Amino acid sequence: KEYTASFATWLARSSDTIATASAVAVNVTLDSTTHDDDTVTVWLSGGTPGVIASVEITIVTAGARTEVRTLYFAIAER
């Protein structure tokens, strides 16, 4: 499943862009991570139904600022 986190509002305050992005997943498999100037997309799979999973996304901007955000997911049966 694909999830996108927007940093557009935070970045707009200084006209900055994302230079690098990384992610760390807990209780779910992180398949890949991509980014553009103001968003980060993570692809996740797996997980155990009934367990809360999270993905911590860290960006570093072209202006050398760092921002960290965590997304939380409730894993459910399909």
Protein backbone atom coordinates (compact mmCIF):
# COMPACT_ATOMS: atom_id res chain seq x y z
CA LYS A 1 0.00 0.00 0.00
CA GLU A 2 1.22 3.48 -0.85
CA TYR A 3 1.12 6.42 1.58
CA THR A 4 2.19 9.99 0.86
CA ALA A 5 3.21 12.58 3.46
CA SER A 6 3.15 16.22 2.37
CA PHE A 7 5.67 18.67 3.78
CA ALA A 8 4.46 21.47 1.45
CA THR A 9 3.11 23.82 4.14
CA TRP A 10 6.18 23.42 6.34
CA LEU A 11 8.55 23.94 3.40
CA ALA A 12 6.65 26.91 1.98
CA ARG A 13 7.57 29.07 4.97
CA SER A 14 11.15 29.25 3.72
CA SER A 15 10.78 28.34 0.03
CA ASP A 16 12.83 25.19 0.71
CA THR A 17 12.66 21.73 -0.92
CA ILE A 18 13.35 18.16 0.16
CA ALA A 19 16.92 17.11 -0.66
CA THR A 20 16.87 13.65 0.98
CA ALA A 21 14.27 11.48 2.67
CA SER A 22 14.50 8.31 4.72
CA ALA A 23 11.99 6.17 6.58
CA VAL A 24 12.01 3.59 9.36
CA ALA A 25 9.06 1.21 9.80
CA VAL A 26 7.90 -0.58 12.96
CA ASN A 27 5.54 -3.63 12.83
CA VAL A 28 5.20 -3.36 9.04
CA THR A 29 7.55 -3.88 6.07
CA LEU A 30 8.90 -0.79 4.33
CA ASP A 31 9.22 -1.78 0.67
CA SER A 32 10.48 1.53 -0.73
CA THR A 33 10.65 5.30 -0.22
CA THR A 34 10.64 8.07 -2.80
CA HIS A 35 10.37 11.85 -2.64
CA ASP A 36 9.94 14.94 -4.75
CA ASP A 37 10.32 18.61 -3.81
CA ASP A 38 7.64 18.59 -1.09
CA THR A 39 6.28 15.06 -0.53
CA VAL A 40 7.56 11.68 0.57
CA THR A 41 5.89 8.45 -0.52
CA VAL A 42 6.39 5.15 1.28
CA TRP A 43 5.24 1.71 0.11
CA LEU A 44 4.33 -0.66 2.94
CA SER A 45 3.32 -4.29 3.16
CA GLY A 46 2.72 -6.98 5.75
CA GLY A 47 1.93 -6.37 9.37
CA THR A 48 -0.10 -8.29 11.90
CA PRO A 49 -3.84 -7.60 12.15
CA GLY A 50 -4.73 -5.78 15.37
CA VAL A 51 -1.24 -4.34 15.78
CA ILE A 52 -0.41 -0.64 15.43
CA ALA A 53 2.38 0.02 12.92
CA SER A 54 4.33 3.22 12.36
CA VAL A 55 6.66 4.81 9.85
CA GLU A 56 9.02 7.59 10.93
CA ILE A 57 9.92 9.82 7.97
CA THR A 58 12.96 12.10 8.17
CA ILE A 59 13.68 14.74 5.56
CA VAL A 60 16.68 16.99 5.12
CA THR A 61 16.08 20.05 2.98
CA ALA A 62 18.23 21.82 0.43
CA GLY A 63 18.63 24.51 3.10
CA ALA A 64 19.98 21.91 5.57
CA ARG A 65 16.89 21.83 7.82
CA THR A 66 15.63 18.54 9.26
CA GLU A 67 12.02 17.56 9.93
CA VAL A 68 10.74 14.25 11.35
CA ARG A 69 7.15 13.02 11.18
CA THR A 70 5.60 9.74 12.25
CA LEU A 71 2.62 8.09 10.57
CA TYR A 72 0.61 5.49 12.52
CA PHE A 73 -1.47 2.67 11.01
CA ALA A 74 -3.91 0.15 12.48
CA ILE A 75 -3.28 -3.15 10.68
CA ALA A 76 -6.52 -4.89 9.65
CA GLU A 77 -7.48 -8.07 7.82
CA ARG A 78 -8.27 -7.65 4.14
